[in-house]
Protein backbone atom coordinates (compact mmCIF):
# COMPACT_ATOMS: atom_id res chain seq x y z
CA MET A 1 121.45 93.08 -64.32
CA ASP A 2 123.97 90.46 -63.28
CA ASP A 3 123.19 89.19 -59.80
CA SER A 4 126.51 87.40 -59.52
CA SER A 5 128.04 90.34 -57.68
CA GLY A 6 125.46 90.16 -54.91
CA PRO A 7 126.01 88.54 -51.54
CA LYS A 8 126.35 84.75 -51.55
CA THR A 9 125.21 82.33 -48.90
CA VAL A 10 127.93 79.91 -47.89
CA SER A 11 126.89 76.65 -46.20
CA PRO A 12 128.41 76.38 -42.74
CA TRP A 13 131.35 73.99 -42.60
CA TYR A 14 129.43 72.00 -40.03
CA ARG A 15 127.04 70.82 -42.70
CA ARG A 16 129.85 69.68 -44.93
CA LEU A 17 131.46 67.81 -42.05
CA ALA A 18 128.16 66.16 -41.19
CA LEU A 19 127.73 65.12 -44.81
CA TYR A 20 131.24 63.64 -45.00
CA PHE A 21 130.83 61.61 -41.81
CA LEU A 22 127.38 60.35 -42.76
CA ILE A 23 128.71 59.28 -46.17
CA LEU A 24 131.49 57.42 -44.33
CA PHE A 25 128.80 55.84 -42.16
CA ALA A 26 127.03 54.57 -45.28
CA LEU A 27 130.24 53.23 -46.85
CA LEU A 28 131.20 51.27 -43.74
CA TRP A 29 127.71 49.92 -43.04
CA SER A 30 128.26 46.42 -44.47
CA ILE A 31 131.78 45.76 -43.15
CA ASP A 32 131.68 43.41 -40.16
CA THR A 33 134.85 43.74 -38.10
CA PHE A 34 135.44 45.52 -34.81
CA PHE A 35 137.77 48.06 -36.41
CA PHE A 36 135.27 49.11 -39.05
CA VAL A 37 132.35 49.02 -36.64
CA THR A 38 134.36 51.44 -34.51
CA LEU A 39 134.78 53.76 -37.50
CA LEU A 40 131.10 53.32 -38.22
CA GLY A 41 130.20 54.46 -34.73
CA LEU A 42 132.57 57.41 -34.88
CA ALA A 43 131.16 58.43 -38.26
CA ALA A 44 127.62 58.39 -36.92
CA SER A 45 128.65 60.24 -33.77
CA PHE A 46 130.52 63.04 -35.48
CA GLY A 47 127.88 63.19 -38.18
CA VAL A 48 125.05 63.98 -35.80
CA LEU A 49 127.25 66.22 -33.64
CA SER A 50 128.18 68.22 -36.72
CA LEU A 51 124.54 68.32 -37.74
CA ASN A 52 123.76 69.69 -34.32
CA GLY A 53 126.15 72.60 -34.82
CA SER A 54 125.15 73.27 -38.39
CA GLY A 55 122.14 75.42 -37.65
CA PHE A 56 119.86 72.67 -38.93
CA THR A 57 116.23 73.72 -39.08
CA LEU A 58 112.92 72.23 -40.10
CA PRO A 59 111.13 74.75 -42.34
CA SER A 60 107.94 72.71 -42.20
CA PHE A 61 107.64 73.40 -38.50
CA ASN A 62 108.45 77.11 -38.37
CA THR A 63 105.97 79.50 -36.83
CA THR A 64 105.74 81.98 -39.71
CA SER A 65 102.40 81.88 -41.49
CA GLN A 66 102.01 81.35 -45.22
CA GLY A 67 99.38 82.60 -47.66
CA PRO A 68 97.07 85.49 -46.73
CA MET A 69 98.74 86.02 -43.36
CA SER A 70 102.26 85.83 -44.80
CA GLY A 71 104.78 87.79 -42.79
CA LYS A 72 102.84 87.49 -39.55
CA THR A 73 103.96 85.30 -36.71
CA LEU A 74 101.62 82.66 -35.41
CA PRO A 75 101.39 81.85 -31.73
CA ALA A 76 104.12 79.50 -30.51
CA SER A 77 103.08 75.87 -30.58
CA GLY A 78 104.79 75.12 -27.27
CA PHE A 79 107.16 72.56 -28.84
CA ASN A 80 110.27 73.40 -30.85
CA PHE A 81 110.94 70.48 -33.22
CA THR A 82 114.25 71.87 -34.43
CA LYS A 83 115.57 72.25 -30.90
CA ALA A 84 114.37 68.77 -30.00
CA ILE A 85 116.21 67.23 -32.95
CA ARG A 86 119.38 69.14 -32.08
CA ILE A 87 119.23 67.94 -28.48
CA PHE A 88 118.55 64.37 -29.59
CA SER A 89 121.43 64.42 -32.08
CA PHE A 90 123.81 65.76 -29.45
CA ILE A 91 122.82 63.12 -26.88
CA PHE A 92 122.99 60.34 -29.47
CA GLY A 93 126.35 61.46 -30.84
CA ALA A 94 127.95 61.94 -27.43
CA SER A 95 126.61 58.62 -26.09
CA PHE A 96 127.72 56.68 -29.15
CA PHE A 97 131.16 58.30 -29.00
CA PHE A 98 131.73 57.31 -25.37
CA PHE A 99 130.32 53.83 -26.01
CA ILE A 100 132.85 53.30 -28.81
CA LEU A 101 135.63 54.78 -26.66
CA ILE A 102 134.86 52.28 -23.89
CA GLY A 103 134.83 49.48 -26.48
CA ILE A 104 138.27 50.51 -27.75
CA ILE A 105 139.68 50.55 -24.21
CA SER A 106 138.19 47.11 -23.51
CA GLY A 107 139.53 45.83 -26.82
CA ASN A 108 143.02 46.98 -25.88
CA ASP A 109 142.79 45.11 -22.59
CA ASP A 110 141.71 41.94 -24.39
CA GLY A 111 144.42 42.43 -26.98
CA ALA A 112 147.12 42.49 -24.33
CA SER A 113 146.06 39.05 -23.12
CA SER A 114 145.93 37.60 -26.63
CA THR A 115 149.34 38.75 -27.85
CA GLU A 116 150.69 35.24 -27.78
CA SER A 117 147.91 33.80 -29.94
CA THR A 118 147.91 36.63 -32.50
CA SER A 119 151.66 36.35 -32.89
CA ALA A 120 151.04 32.84 -34.18
CA ALA A 121 148.78 34.09 -36.96
CA PRO A 122 149.87 33.02 -40.44
CA THR A 123 152.55 35.27 -41.88
CA ASP A 124 153.86 32.95 -44.59
CA ASN A 125 152.67 34.32 -47.91
CA ASN A 126 153.37 30.93 -49.47
CA LEU A 127 150.49 29.37 -47.53
CA SER A 128 147.32 28.77 -49.49
CA ASN A 129 144.17 30.56 -48.40
CA ALA A 130 142.75 27.26 -47.15
CA ASP A 131 145.88 26.67 -45.04
CA LYS A 132 145.63 30.19 -43.62
CA GLY A 133 142.02 29.49 -42.77
CA THR A 134 143.02 26.30 -40.96
CA THR A 135 145.70 28.16 -39.02
CA TYR A 136 143.18 30.73 -37.86
CA TYR A 137 140.72 27.95 -37.02
CA ASN A 138 143.31 26.30 -34.79
CA LEU A 139 143.79 29.66 -33.06
CA GLY A 140 140.06 29.85 -32.40
CA SER A 141 139.63 32.84 -34.76
CA TYR A 142 136.62 31.44 -36.59
CA ASP A 143 135.61 34.64 -38.39
CA SER A 144 139.12 35.07 -39.80
CA ALA A 145 139.19 31.41 -40.77
CA MET A 146 135.95 31.84 -42.71
CA ILE A 147 137.37 34.79 -44.62
CA PHE A 148 140.27 32.71 -45.94
CA TYR A 149 138.12 29.66 -46.64
CA ASP A 150 135.82 31.88 -48.70
CA LYS A 151 138.82 33.28 -50.58
CA ALA A 152 139.99 29.75 -51.33
CA LEU A 153 136.54 28.76 -52.59
CA ALA A 154 136.36 31.90 -54.74
CA GLU A 155 139.53 30.68 -56.45
CA ASN A 156 138.38 27.06 -56.64
CA ALA A 157 134.84 26.08 -55.68
CA SER A 158 135.96 22.44 -55.33
CA ASP A 159 138.77 23.12 -52.85
CA LEU A 160 138.30 20.16 -50.48
CA ASP A 161 140.28 21.66 -47.61
CA ALA A 162 138.23 24.86 -47.74
CA GLN A 163 134.93 22.98 -47.95
CA TYR A 164 135.81 20.78 -44.99
CA GLY A 165 137.26 23.77 -43.14
CA LYS A 166 134.01 25.70 -43.48
CA ALA A 167 132.04 22.66 -42.35
CA LEU A 168 134.24 22.21 -39.28
CA THR A 169 134.13 25.92 -38.45
CA TYR A 170 130.35 26.02 -38.65
CA PHE A 171 130.23 22.93 -36.42
CA SER A 172 132.48 24.63 -33.85
CA GLN A 173 130.20 27.69 -33.96
CA GLY A 174 127.15 25.50 -33.32
CA ASP A 175 125.56 26.02 -36.75
CA LEU A 176 124.80 22.37 -37.47
CA ASP A 177 122.65 23.00 -40.55
CA ALA A 178 125.40 24.95 -42.32
CA SER A 179 127.97 22.42 -41.17
CA LEU A 180 125.88 19.57 -42.58
CA SER A 181 125.54 21.33 -45.93
CA TRP A 182 129.28 21.96 -46.31
CA THR A 183 130.19 18.47 -45.08
CA GLN A 184 127.97 16.95 -47.76
CA LYS A 185 129.61 19.20 -50.36
CA SER A 186 133.05 17.98 -49.30
CA ILE A 187 131.91 14.35 -49.59
CA ARG A 188 130.60 15.03 -53.09
CA THR A 189 134.02 16.42 -53.93
CA LYS A 190 135.84 13.39 -52.48
CA SER A 191 133.63 10.50 -51.46
CA ASP A 192 136.31 8.66 -49.48
CA TYR A 193 137.51 11.62 -47.41
CA ASN A 194 137.54 10.12 -43.93
CA LEU A 195 137.49 13.42 -42.03
CA SER A 196 134.26 14.47 -43.73
CA TRP A 197 132.58 11.18 -42.81
CA TRP A 198 133.83 11.59 -39.23
CA LEU A 199 132.40 15.11 -39.07
CA LEU A 200 129.12 13.98 -40.62
CA GLY A 201 128.85 11.29 -37.95
CA ASP A 202 129.56 13.88 -35.27
CA ILE A 203 126.80 16.13 -36.63
CA TYR A 204 124.28 13.29 -36.53
CA TYR A 205 125.47 12.28 -33.06
CA THR A 206 125.00 15.84 -31.80
CA ASN A 207 121.48 15.77 -33.25
CA GLN A 208 120.93 12.44 -31.44
CA LYS A 209 120.47 10.58 -34.73
CA TYR A 210 122.60 7.67 -33.58
CA ASP A 211 121.72 5.25 -36.40
CA SER A 212 122.86 7.75 -39.03
CA ALA A 213 125.90 8.63 -36.93
CA ALA A 214 126.94 4.97 -36.76
CA ILE A 215 126.67 4.56 -40.54
CA CYS A 216 128.83 7.63 -41.20
CA LEU A 217 131.40 6.71 -38.56
CA GLU A 218 131.71 3.19 -39.96
CA ARG A 219 132.45 4.75 -43.36
CA ALA A 220 135.15 6.89 -41.77
CA TYR A 221 136.53 3.80 -40.00
CA SER A 222 136.69 1.93 -43.29
CA TYR A 223 138.87 4.76 -44.63
CA HIS A 224 141.47 4.10 -41.90
CA THR A 225 140.55 6.79 -39.40
CA ASP A 226 142.70 6.01 -36.37
CA GLU A 227 142.36 8.67 -33.66
CA PRO A 228 141.38 8.24 -29.99
CA ASP A 229 138.72 10.97 -30.23
CA PHE A 230 137.22 9.20 -33.23
CA TYR A 231 137.11 5.87 -31.38
CA LEU A 232 135.53 7.60 -28.40
CA LEU A 233 132.75 9.01 -30.59
CA MET A 234 132.13 5.57 -32.10
CA ALA A 235 132.00 3.98 -28.64
CA GLN A 236 129.54 6.59 -27.37
CA THR A 237 127.39 6.18 -30.47
CA TYR A 238 127.13 2.40 -30.06
CA GLU A 239 126.51 2.74 -26.34
CA ASN A 240 123.57 5.04 -27.11
CA LEU A 241 122.31 2.40 -29.53
CA SER A 242 122.63 -0.22 -26.73
CA PHE A 243 125.26 -2.16 -28.69
CA LYS A 244 127.32 -2.87 -25.59
CA GLU A 245 129.94 -5.18 -27.07
CA ARG A 246 130.64 -2.84 -29.98
CA ALA A 247 130.89 0.09 -27.56
CA ILE A 248 133.38 -1.79 -25.36
CA GLU A 249 135.45 -2.64 -28.44
CA PHE A 250 135.90 1.02 -29.34
CA TYR A 251 136.39 2.21 -25.76
CA LYS A 252 139.29 -0.25 -25.62
CA LYS A 253 140.68 1.23 -28.83
CA VAL A 254 140.61 4.65 -27.15
CA ILE A 255 142.89 3.53 -24.33
CA GLU A 256 145.07 1.55 -26.73
CA LYS A 257 145.79 4.82 -28.52
CA ASP A 258 145.96 6.89 -25.32
CA ASP A 259 146.21 5.00 -22.04
CA THR A 260 146.13 8.21 -19.99
CA ARG A 261 142.39 8.72 -20.47
CA THR A 262 141.29 7.92 -16.95
CA GLU A 263 137.62 8.79 -17.54
CA THR A 264 137.39 6.21 -20.31
CA ILE A 265 139.11 3.58 -18.16
CA GLU A 266 136.78 4.28 -15.25
CA HIS A 267 133.79 4.03 -17.58
CA LEU A 268 135.01 0.65 -18.83
CA ILE A 269 135.16 -0.65 -15.26
CA THR A 270 131.40 -0.10 -15.04
CA LEU A 271 130.54 -1.09 -18.60
CA ASP A 272 132.74 -4.20 -18.71
CA PRO A 273 132.81 -5.62 -15.16
CA ASP A 274 134.25 -8.96 -16.33
CA ASN A 275 137.53 -7.18 -17.08
CA ALA A 276 137.33 -4.63 -14.28
CA GLN A 277 140.53 -5.81 -12.59
CA SER A 278 142.66 -5.17 -15.66
CA TYR A 279 141.21 -1.67 -15.97
CA LYS A 280 141.85 -0.98 -12.29
CA ALA A 281 145.43 -2.14 -12.69
CA LEU A 282 145.85 0.31 -15.55
CA LEU A 283 144.51 3.10 -13.34
CA GLU A 284 147.01 2.18 -10.63
CA LYS A 285 149.87 2.59 -13.10
CA LEU A 286 148.68 6.11 -13.88
CA LYS A 287 148.80 7.22 -10.24
């Protein structure tokens, strides 16, 4: 006899919905941006909420006996596992949903204050990926900068701008080990790249390895690095090494490039008392 005409059991739509959302949860698991994390949270929330309404049961914990006493009901155990899981899934789903909702509202508030900076994001399709990364770096969007630097390196593993950009971004994020690694890669790509030597010196200076910092900064100086911040780092390095005259030399270069740096001028008054009057006169001009 063909049983196909008999009654069929149709899975509740809740179960299908739970399955769809939990699959979405799995697909979005490895994507690390706020937008996708939001979708991830919503997927988990609706997944467990749908599971809660699906009539989910745990056959292993039912109270109907098996074997010789089949068909008879055993005494209640005093704890309903199925009900507990449903309650837990409801609380988890609802809590996660409201947590994500609050995050979205907070994100909108932050977005309103950052409209000016996001409007400056790169829109020129003619820019290289490395240039886009640098633009995002200058905006302080380090994660976005990394994405474009990685794209540039996927196209060309020897892209100097991308290598240096990653090194500088890691340095700004405080990851000195990663910054050191990428700085060294950029120097292997172009041994006379002054910015890489400057950054390498800054890494060693931050790690209080002043001898190594001085060597790297001198290399950068030999490649015609001529910025007040660079001279300031050199001066501070030599001062930490107790090379007073060399430190004074570079502090003077700082104010030659930018005579509005009052802190440097005031420091020179103390460090170089023989020329204190000239430094004080310079301060008077700035008032």
